[in-house]
Amino acid sequence: MRTVVQRVAEGAVEVDGSTVGAIGQGFVVLVGVEPTDTVDDADACAGKIVGLRVFRDDEGKMNRSLTDVGGAVLVISQFTLAGDVRKGRRPSFIGAARPDLAEPLVSRFCDVIADAGVLVERGVFGADMRVTIVNDGPVTLLVDSCEGVIL
């Protein structure tokens, strides 16, 4: 599982002109699922993201987690994160999981975050989405897994 985590002041996602998810302070997380990913990968990535200490404390240091600041997460499934651009100019997406594997793993990822007490908003799996992100920092991190091991 490959994720891009952006610390945001706010984020929102629209489908067909309607807002389907919106948050204030927290993370916008783009999630790409690969064919070898399992529930362990989803659990490991979600757990790591919930615990990331990248929000400012009273001294301005990145020392607080989502739960410390009452932050939320907006999750956007994004198969293009599994794109391969090593050959030619058109990305290959054969490294992306099929929807029947990816959708349940993205859902599991969201559920693990919600079970940690964090508000989770979601995009619509497989939809053409318009995502608005107001970066805070900016702080952008990559959290990848390999069979449940965070890289």
Protein backbone atom coordinates (compact mmCIF):
# COMPACT_ATOMS: atom_id res chain seq x y z
CA MET A 1 0.00 0.00 0.00
CA ARG A 2 1.35 3.37 -0.98
CA THR A 3 0.09 6.56 0.67
CA VAL A 4 0.82 10.24 0.35
CA VAL A 5 0.00 12.06 3.58
CA GLN A 6 -0.42 15.83 3.52
CA ARG A 7 -0.90 17.86 6.68
CA VAL A 8 -3.70 20.30 5.90
CA ALA A 9 -5.53 23.26 7.34
CA GLU A 10 -8.52 21.97 5.38
CA GLY A 11 -9.41 19.60 2.58
CA ALA A 12 -12.46 18.66 0.56
CA VAL A 13 -13.49 16.35 -2.25
CA GLU A 14 -16.24 16.82 -4.83
CA VAL A 15 -17.87 14.31 -7.14
CA ASP A 16 -20.14 15.60 -9.92
CA GLY A 17 -20.10 19.09 -8.38
CA SER A 18 -21.23 17.94 -4.91
CA THR A 19 -19.01 17.88 -1.85
CA VAL A 20 -18.83 14.30 -0.56
CA GLY A 21 -16.19 14.83 2.13
CA ALA A 22 -14.57 17.76 3.91
CA ILE A 23 -12.29 18.27 6.92
CA GLY A 24 -10.56 21.04 8.80
CA GLN A 25 -7.18 20.45 10.41
CA GLY A 26 -5.74 17.00 9.76
CA PHE A 27 -4.48 14.90 6.89
CA VAL A 28 -5.52 14.39 3.32
CA VAL A 29 -4.32 10.87 2.50
CA LEU A 30 -4.05 9.59 -1.06
CA VAL A 31 -4.11 5.77 -1.02
CA GLY A 32 -2.86 3.45 -3.76
CA VAL A 33 -3.31 -0.30 -3.45
CA GLU A 34 -1.06 -2.82 -5.15
CA PRO A 35 -1.98 -6.44 -6.01
CA THR A 36 0.14 -7.95 -3.23
CA ASP A 37 -1.35 -5.75 -0.50
CA THR A 38 -3.22 -7.37 2.37
CA VAL A 39 -5.22 -6.40 5.43
CA ASP A 40 -1.91 -6.26 7.31
CA ASP A 41 -0.68 -3.54 4.94
CA ALA A 42 -3.84 -1.50 5.42
CA ASP A 43 -3.65 -1.89 9.20
CA ALA A 44 0.06 -0.99 9.34
CA CYS A 45 -0.28 2.12 7.19
CA ALA A 46 -3.37 3.34 9.04
CA GLY A 47 -1.74 2.80 12.42
CA LYS A 48 1.42 4.62 11.38
CA ILE A 49 -0.54 7.58 10.02
CA VAL A 50 -2.70 7.95 13.13
CA GLY A 51 0.43 8.05 15.28
CA LEU A 52 2.48 10.47 13.17
CA ARG A 53 3.64 13.35 15.34
CA VAL A 54 3.73 16.17 12.79
CA PHE A 55 1.43 18.78 14.34
CA ARG A 56 2.94 21.70 16.23
CA ASP A 57 3.06 21.75 20.00
CA ASP A 58 3.07 24.92 22.14
CA GLU A 59 6.75 25.46 21.30
CA GLY A 60 6.16 25.14 17.55
CA LYS A 61 7.82 21.72 17.27
CA MET A 62 6.24 18.86 15.33
CA ASN A 63 5.33 16.81 18.37
CA ARG A 64 1.58 16.12 18.28
CA SER A 65 -0.49 13.45 16.54
CA LEU A 66 -3.94 13.57 14.96
CA THR A 67 -5.56 12.45 18.19
CA ASP A 68 -3.60 15.03 20.19
CA VAL A 69 -4.96 17.90 18.07
CA GLY A 70 -8.42 16.49 17.36
CA GLY A 71 -7.61 16.30 13.65
CA ALA A 72 -9.52 14.48 10.93
CA VAL A 73 -8.54 12.50 7.83
CA LEU A 74 -9.84 12.79 4.28
CA VAL A 75 -9.04 9.58 2.39
CA ILE A 76 -8.90 9.56 -1.41
CA SER A 77 -8.32 6.31 -3.28
CA GLN A 78 -5.82 6.90 -6.08
CA PHE A 79 -4.74 4.00 -8.28
CA THR A 80 -2.26 6.26 -10.08
CA LEU A 81 0.08 5.97 -7.07
CA ALA A 82 0.89 2.50 -8.40
CA GLY A 83 1.80 3.96 -11.79
CA ASP A 84 5.11 3.08 -13.39
CA VAL A 85 6.80 5.80 -15.44
CA ARG A 86 10.16 4.12 -16.02
CA LYS A 87 9.48 3.42 -19.70
CA GLY A 88 8.16 5.91 -22.23
CA ARG A 89 5.98 8.87 -21.41
CA ARG A 90 2.65 7.19 -20.71
CA PRO A 91 2.39 5.63 -17.24
CA SER A 92 1.61 1.96 -16.90
CA PHE A 93 -0.95 1.08 -14.23
CA ILE A 94 -0.56 -2.70 -14.26
CA GLY A 95 0.92 -2.37 -10.76
CA ALA A 96 -2.41 -1.16 -9.36
CA ALA A 97 -4.72 -3.63 -7.66
CA ARG A 98 -8.01 -4.52 -9.28
CA PRO A 99 -11.02 -2.74 -7.74
CA ASP A 100 -12.33 -5.95 -6.11
CA LEU A 101 -9.13 -6.07 -3.98
CA ALA A 102 -8.45 -2.34 -3.66
CA GLU A 103 -11.86 -1.12 -2.51
CA PRO A 104 -12.12 -3.38 0.56
CA LEU A 105 -8.54 -2.53 1.58
CA VAL A 106 -9.17 1.22 1.30
CA SER A 107 -12.31 0.72 3.36
CA ARG A 108 -10.37 -1.28 5.96
CA PHE A 109 -7.73 1.47 6.06
CA CYS A 110 -10.47 4.02 6.80
CA ASP A 111 -12.06 1.81 9.45
CA VAL A 112 -8.77 1.36 11.32
CA ILE A 113 -8.29 5.14 11.46
CA ALA A 114 -11.89 5.66 12.61
CA ASP A 115 -11.50 2.94 15.27
CA ALA A 116 -8.61 5.00 16.68
CA GLY A 117 -11.10 7.79 17.37
CA VAL A 118 -10.28 9.95 14.35
CA LEU A 119 -13.00 11.42 12.14
CA VAL A 120 -12.66 9.99 8.62
CA GLU A 121 -14.18 11.50 5.50
CA ARG A 122 -13.86 9.69 2.17
CA GLY A 123 -13.89 10.25 -1.51
CA VAL A 124 -15.89 7.92 -3.77
CA PHE A 125 -13.93 4.85 -4.85
CA GLY A 126 -13.37 4.82 -8.62
CA ALA A 127 -15.03 8.20 -9.20
CA ASP A 128 -13.58 11.20 -10.99
CA MET A 129 -12.94 13.50 -8.04
CA ARG A 130 -11.93 17.11 -7.56
CA VAL A 131 -9.78 17.42 -4.44
CA THR A 132 -9.09 20.71 -2.69
CA ILE A 133 -6.12 20.75 -0.33
CA VAL A 134 -4.89 23.66 1.76
CA ASN A 135 -1.45 22.44 2.80
CA ASP A 136 -0.21 23.33 6.25
CA GLY A 137 3.54 23.73 6.37
CA PRO A 138 3.67 22.21 3.83
CA VAL A 139 4.19 18.80 5.36
CA THR A 140 3.98 15.88 2.94
CA LEU A 141 5.06 12.33 3.81
CA LEU A 142 5.14 9.01 1.99
CA VAL A 143 4.00 6.01 4.04
CA ASP A 144 4.44 2.74 2.16
CA SER A 145 4.00 -0.81 3.35
CA CYS A 146 5.38 -4.14 2.29
CA GLU A 147 3.44 -7.04 3.79
CA GLY A 148 2.63 -5.07 6.93
CA VAL A 149 6.11 -3.57 7.35
CA ILE A 150 6.29 0.20 7.04
CA LEU A 151 9.07 1.39 4.75
